[in-house]
Amino acid sequence: MAVVNGPVYVEWPSRGADLRYGLFTVVPPRDFTDVHMQLGGIQYEISYDLGSRPYDVTCATGATKTFDAGPTTVTAAPVVIYTSMTCGSVGMTEERARAFVSDRAKYGEQPAVELAFSNSANGLAPGLANNGAATQLAATATITAAISVLENWLYVTKGYGATGIIHAPAIAEAYFRDYNSMQMDKDGVWRTPMQTAISFGNYSGNKVNGSAPAASATNIYITPQMSISRDTDSNVFFAPYGEVFNKAGNQFLALMERNYIIGMDFAPAATEATLAP
């Protein structure tokens, strides 16, 4: 006689899977070096302006050298990325709930950071859209033209000597692959011939002023060098079990929070690109 039993519990398919390609691939997060960064954010000085300048070797009479301004202080404000879960209390220990919500955060924090960064949302600054210091460049008819316009702005107009980062919504990724000069480096980061890194992810694609793009188009941004800082794993906040237990519904509300800060040398630029190679 056959024995019929119910489903057997196993680990879910995504557990242990690698993170998808995205902003964290291009700019790996680093740990906070001071707990005060959680609320106060960070500030740093940059010496970049227009870099260096040429001058006549013969010291021509009447020629003068231009002296640029001194270091600029840049500030960056944090954002809280939280992950939550509601579940019945029967058989759900605090340790098990933490494990579940931690796994959910592992795969959910990168998309949440990308979206907040793309809209300068929830207090995060600096960001891409809704950034009063950002530049909206002329619209472009193809992805190739968009790359050309963005790199010209960063490396020629701004005179930036380090490599930049292009930020594009996931919907644009396939069109970028038709840009045949894009290559993946040894660290698994897509780059243009100018060595500009390319991040694809959960970006809104909105314009600098926050408005939505036209149909069949998206806004693609370029930034200078960036940094991403966050709470260490040991300092991530978990709501205490007793404070998040709903006695009326006999439910446990698991909550995990991690603060992120994004810094960059100066404000970005964007072009609204038609989704065509």
Protein backbone atom coordinates (compact mmCIF):
# COMPACT_ATOMS: atom_id res chain seq x y z
CA MET A 1 0.00 0.00 0.00
CA ALA A 2 1.36 3.44 -0.99
CA VAL A 3 2.11 5.90 1.76
CA VAL A 4 0.98 9.46 1.06
CA ASN A 5 2.72 12.27 2.90
CA GLY A 6 2.68 16.05 2.69
CA PRO A 7 5.31 18.29 1.12
CA VAL A 8 8.79 18.13 2.59
CA TYR A 9 10.39 21.40 3.71
CA VAL A 10 13.59 22.35 1.87
CA GLU A 11 15.51 25.60 1.43
CA TRP A 12 13.93 28.09 -0.95
CA PRO A 13 15.46 28.29 -4.47
CA SER A 14 17.11 31.70 -4.10
CA ARG A 15 18.89 31.00 -0.82
CA GLY A 16 22.63 31.24 -1.38
CA ALA A 17 22.23 32.71 -4.86
CA ASP A 18 24.55 35.49 -6.01
CA LEU A 19 23.31 39.07 -6.14
CA ARG A 20 22.37 40.22 -9.61
CA TYR A 21 24.52 42.74 -11.48
CA GLY A 22 23.83 46.27 -10.27
CA LEU A 23 25.05 49.30 -8.36
CA PHE A 24 26.73 47.17 -5.67
CA THR A 25 28.73 45.40 -8.40
CA VAL A 26 30.09 48.69 -9.69
CA VAL A 27 30.46 50.41 -6.30
CA PRO A 28 30.87 47.74 -3.59
CA PRO A 29 29.51 49.03 -0.25
CA ARG A 30 31.98 49.54 2.57
CA ASP A 31 31.31 49.57 6.29
CA PHE A 32 30.72 52.70 8.33
CA THR A 33 33.87 53.75 10.14
CA ASP A 34 31.95 55.73 12.78
CA VAL A 35 28.50 54.99 14.22
CA HIS A 36 27.66 58.71 14.08
CA MET A 37 27.49 58.38 10.30
CA GLN A 38 24.12 56.63 10.74
CA LEU A 39 22.24 59.88 11.35
CA GLY A 40 24.71 62.67 10.69
CA GLY A 41 25.90 61.48 7.30
CA ILE A 42 29.37 62.32 6.05
CA GLN A 43 31.33 65.27 4.73
CA TYR A 44 34.55 65.30 2.76
CA GLU A 45 36.76 67.70 0.86
CA ILE A 46 37.51 67.34 -2.84
CA SER A 47 40.23 69.22 -4.67
CA TYR A 48 38.73 68.67 -8.12
CA ASP A 49 37.64 71.69 -10.16
CA LEU A 50 38.90 71.74 -13.72
CA GLY A 51 42.01 69.76 -12.97
CA SER A 52 45.25 70.98 -14.52
CA ARG A 53 45.83 73.55 -17.27
CA PRO A 54 48.38 74.00 -20.11
CA TYR A 55 50.87 76.88 -20.15
CA ASP A 56 53.44 78.14 -22.68
CA VAL A 57 56.90 76.75 -21.86
CA THR A 58 58.53 80.00 -22.98
CA CYS A 59 56.72 81.96 -20.24
CA ALA A 60 55.32 84.39 -22.80
CA THR A 61 55.20 88.00 -21.72
CA GLY A 62 51.84 88.97 -20.34
CA ALA A 63 50.64 85.38 -19.94
CA THR A 64 49.04 84.66 -16.60
CA LYS A 65 48.21 81.48 -14.77
CA THR A 66 44.70 80.81 -13.50
CA PHE A 67 44.50 79.82 -9.86
CA ASP A 68 41.40 77.77 -9.10
CA ALA A 69 39.48 77.78 -5.84
CA GLY A 70 40.58 75.65 -2.93
CA PRO A 71 39.03 72.36 -1.76
CA THR A 72 35.24 72.05 -1.83
CA THR A 73 33.38 70.47 1.08
CA VAL A 74 30.74 67.96 0.04
CA THR A 75 28.10 66.50 2.37
CA ALA A 76 26.06 63.34 1.97
CA ALA A 77 22.91 62.45 3.92
CA PRO A 78 21.89 58.86 4.80
CA VAL A 79 18.80 56.82 4.01
CA VAL A 80 17.32 53.96 6.03
CA ILE A 81 16.63 50.77 4.09
CA TYR A 82 14.28 48.52 6.04
CA THR A 83 13.11 44.97 5.52
CA SER A 84 10.06 43.56 7.30
CA MET A 85 7.97 40.43 7.65
CA THR A 86 4.63 39.57 9.24
CA CYS A 87 4.07 36.00 10.35
CA GLY A 88 2.20 33.88 12.87
CA SER A 89 3.90 33.43 16.19
CA VAL A 90 3.43 29.65 16.45
CA GLY A 91 6.77 27.97 15.82
CA MET A 92 8.44 31.28 14.89
CA THR A 93 11.35 31.97 17.21
CA GLU A 94 13.13 35.31 17.23
CA GLU A 95 16.26 33.72 15.76
CA ARG A 96 14.30 32.11 12.91
CA ALA A 97 12.49 35.37 12.14
CA ARG A 98 15.81 37.22 12.03
CA ALA A 99 17.20 34.64 9.63
CA PHE A 100 14.22 35.04 7.30
CA VAL A 101 14.29 38.84 7.29
CA SER A 102 18.10 38.87 6.85
CA ASP A 103 17.82 36.71 3.74
CA ARG A 104 15.08 38.97 2.42
CA ALA A 105 17.32 41.99 2.99
CA LYS A 106 20.28 40.32 1.25
CA TYR A 107 18.44 40.41 -2.06
CA GLY A 108 16.24 43.45 -1.41
CA GLU A 109 18.65 46.14 -0.23
CA GLN A 110 20.42 46.73 -3.55
CA PRO A 111 17.19 47.40 -5.54
CA ALA A 112 15.93 49.67 -2.73
CA VAL A 113 19.18 51.67 -2.67
CA GLU A 114 19.18 51.99 -6.48
CA LEU A 115 15.62 53.35 -6.46
CA ALA A 116 16.22 55.78 -3.59
CA PHE A 117 19.44 57.00 -5.24
CA SER A 118 17.79 57.41 -8.63
CA ASN A 119 15.11 59.71 -7.15
CA SER A 120 17.06 61.36 -4.29
CA ALA A 121 14.28 59.90 -2.14
CA ASN A 122 13.71 59.49 1.61
CA GLY A 123 16.34 62.03 2.54
CA LEU A 124 19.17 60.41 0.61
CA ALA A 125 21.46 63.03 -0.92
CA PRO A 126 23.16 63.41 -3.27
CA GLY A 127 21.14 61.48 -5.85
CA LEU A 128 20.26 61.52 -9.53
CA ALA A 129 16.75 62.87 -10.27
CA ASN A 130 15.37 65.65 -8.04
CA ASN A 131 18.91 66.94 -7.62
CA GLY A 132 18.97 70.70 -8.10
CA ALA A 133 22.67 70.68 -8.94
CA ALA A 134 22.37 68.01 -11.69
CA THR A 135 22.50 68.85 -15.41
CA GLN A 136 19.89 67.77 -17.98
CA LEU A 137 21.65 67.44 -21.33
CA ALA A 138 19.97 67.38 -24.74
CA ALA A 139 17.90 64.30 -25.59
CA THR A 140 19.55 61.57 -27.66
CA ALA A 141 18.05 59.27 -30.29
CA THR A 142 20.08 56.13 -29.50
CA ILE A 143 21.97 54.51 -26.64
CA THR A 144 25.25 55.03 -28.52
CA ALA A 145 24.53 58.75 -28.79
CA ALA A 146 23.64 58.85 -25.09
CA ILE A 147 27.00 57.33 -24.10
CA SER A 148 28.78 59.82 -26.37
CA VAL A 149 26.98 62.85 -24.92
CA LEU A 150 27.42 61.76 -21.31
CA GLU A 151 31.12 60.93 -21.61
CA ASN A 152 31.78 64.19 -23.47
CA TRP A 153 30.13 66.12 -20.62
CA LEU A 154 32.16 64.37 -17.91
CA TYR A 155 35.56 64.11 -19.58
CA VAL A 156 35.57 67.23 -21.80
CA THR A 157 33.10 69.78 -20.42
CA LYS A 158 33.95 68.97 -16.80
CA GLY A 159 37.54 67.94 -17.55
CA TYR A 160 37.28 64.98 -15.18
CA GLY A 161 40.37 62.79 -15.17
CA ALA A 162 39.11 59.76 -13.24
CA THR A 163 36.66 57.21 -14.62
CA GLY A 164 32.94 57.88 -14.30
CA ILE A 165 29.88 55.69 -13.88
CA ILE A 166 26.85 55.47 -16.18
CA HIS A 167 23.56 54.60 -14.46
CA ALA A 168 20.79 53.07 -16.59
CA PRO A 169 17.46 51.36 -15.78
CA ALA A 170 17.36 47.61 -16.34
CA ILE A 171 15.08 48.10 -19.35
CA ALA A 172 17.99 49.70 -21.21
CA GLU A 173 20.47 46.85 -20.62
CA ALA A 174 19.65 44.92 -23.80
CA TYR A 175 20.05 48.08 -25.88
CA PHE A 176 23.46 48.70 -24.31
CA ARG A 177 24.55 45.21 -25.36
CA ASP A 178 23.98 46.26 -28.97
CA TYR A 179 26.66 48.89 -28.30
CA ASN A 180 29.39 46.51 -29.41
CA SER A 181 32.30 48.34 -27.76
CA MET A 182 31.09 47.56 -24.21
CA GLN A 183 33.39 45.07 -22.48
CA MET A 184 33.37 43.37 -19.06
CA ASP A 185 36.52 43.85 -16.96
CA LYS A 186 38.23 41.32 -14.68
CA ASP A 187 36.00 42.36 -11.77
CA GLY A 188 32.81 41.67 -13.71
CA VAL A 189 31.97 45.34 -14.39
CA TRP A 190 30.75 46.47 -17.81
CA ARG A 191 32.85 49.33 -19.24
CA THR A 192 33.03 51.54 -22.33
CA PRO A 193 36.31 52.10 -24.24
CA MET A 194 36.83 55.20 -22.02
CA GLN A 195 36.68 52.78 -19.04
CA THR A 196 33.44 54.33 -17.80
CA ALA A 197 31.68 51.76 -15.62
CA ILE A 198 28.02 50.97 -16.39
CA SER A 199 25.48 50.15 -13.70
CA PHE A 200 22.12 48.62 -14.66
CA GLY A 201 19.43 48.31 -12.03
CA ASN A 202 16.25 49.52 -10.39
CA TYR A 203 16.65 53.12 -11.52
CA SER A 204 13.50 55.17 -12.12
CA GLY A 205 14.71 56.68 -15.40
CA ASN A 206 13.23 60.06 -14.45
CA LYS A 207 14.60 63.40 -15.60
CA VAL A 208 16.73 65.65 -13.43
CA ASN A 209 13.59 67.58 -12.40
CA GLY A 210 11.89 64.34 -11.35
CA SER A 211 9.43 64.12 -14.24
CA ALA A 212 8.86 60.86 -16.08
CA PRO A 213 10.55 60.13 -19.41
CA ALA A 214 8.76 60.13 -22.75
CA ALA A 215 7.31 56.91 -24.12
CA SER A 216 9.95 54.46 -25.39
CA ALA A 217 12.70 56.49 -23.70
CA THR A 218 14.52 56.64 -20.38
CA ASN A 219 16.94 58.98 -18.68
CA ILE A 220 20.50 57.73 -18.37
CA TYR A 221 22.90 59.42 -15.96
CA ILE A 222 26.63 59.75 -15.58
CA THR A 223 28.36 60.44 -12.27
CA PRO A 224 31.96 60.93 -11.22
CA GLN A 225 33.49 58.47 -8.77
CA MET A 226 31.17 57.33 -5.98
CA SER A 227 31.29 55.67 -2.59
CA ILE A 228 28.62 53.66 -0.77
CA SER A 229 28.84 53.23 2.99
CA ARG A 230 26.52 51.26 5.26
CA ASP A 231 26.08 49.81 8.73
CA THR A 232 28.26 46.83 9.50
CA ASP A 233 26.48 43.48 9.72
CA SER A 234 27.07 43.51 13.47
CA ASN A 235 25.44 46.93 13.83
CA VAL A 236 22.28 46.29 11.77
CA PHE A 237 19.15 47.11 13.78
CA PHE A 238 16.65 44.35 14.54
CA ALA A 239 13.49 45.36 16.39
CA PRO A 240 13.35 43.52 19.75
CA TYR A 241 10.95 40.60 19.77
CA GLY A 242 8.78 41.96 22.58
CA GLU A 243 8.29 45.34 20.90
CA VAL A 244 6.97 44.01 17.60
CA PHE A 245 4.63 41.26 18.80
CA ASN A 246 0.97 41.93 17.98
CA LYS A 247 -0.94 40.29 20.82
CA ALA A 248 -4.35 41.07 19.32
CA GLY A 249 -3.56 39.22 16.11
CA ASN A 250 -1.03 36.81 17.61
CA GLN A 251 1.45 37.92 14.96
CA PHE A 252 5.16 38.58 15.02
CA LEU A 253 6.38 41.62 13.07
CA ALA A 254 10.04 41.22 12.15
CA LEU A 255 11.94 44.41 11.24
CA MET A 256 15.53 44.99 10.13
CA GLU A 257 17.06 48.38 9.30
CA ARG A 258 20.37 49.36 7.74
CA ASN A 259 21.56 52.89 6.98
CA TYR A 260 23.24 53.73 3.68
CA ILE A 261 25.16 56.81 2.53
CA ILE A 262 26.18 57.58 -1.05
CA GLY A 263 28.90 60.10 -1.84
CA MET A 264 30.17 61.45 -5.16
CA ASP A 265 32.66 64.10 -6.27
CA PHE A 266 30.04 66.43 -7.81
CA ALA A 267 26.52 66.44 -9.25
CA PRO A 268 25.63 64.17 -12.22
CA ALA A 269 24.25 64.78 -15.69
CA ALA A 270 21.49 63.02 -17.62
CA THR A 271 20.24 62.58 -21.14
CA GLU A 272 16.83 61.28 -22.14
CA ALA A 273 17.64 58.49 -24.58
CA THR A 274 15.30 56.75 -26.98
CA LEU A 275 15.52 53.00 -26.44
CA ALA A 276 17.31 52.13 -29.66
CA PRO A 277 20.86 50.85 -30.18
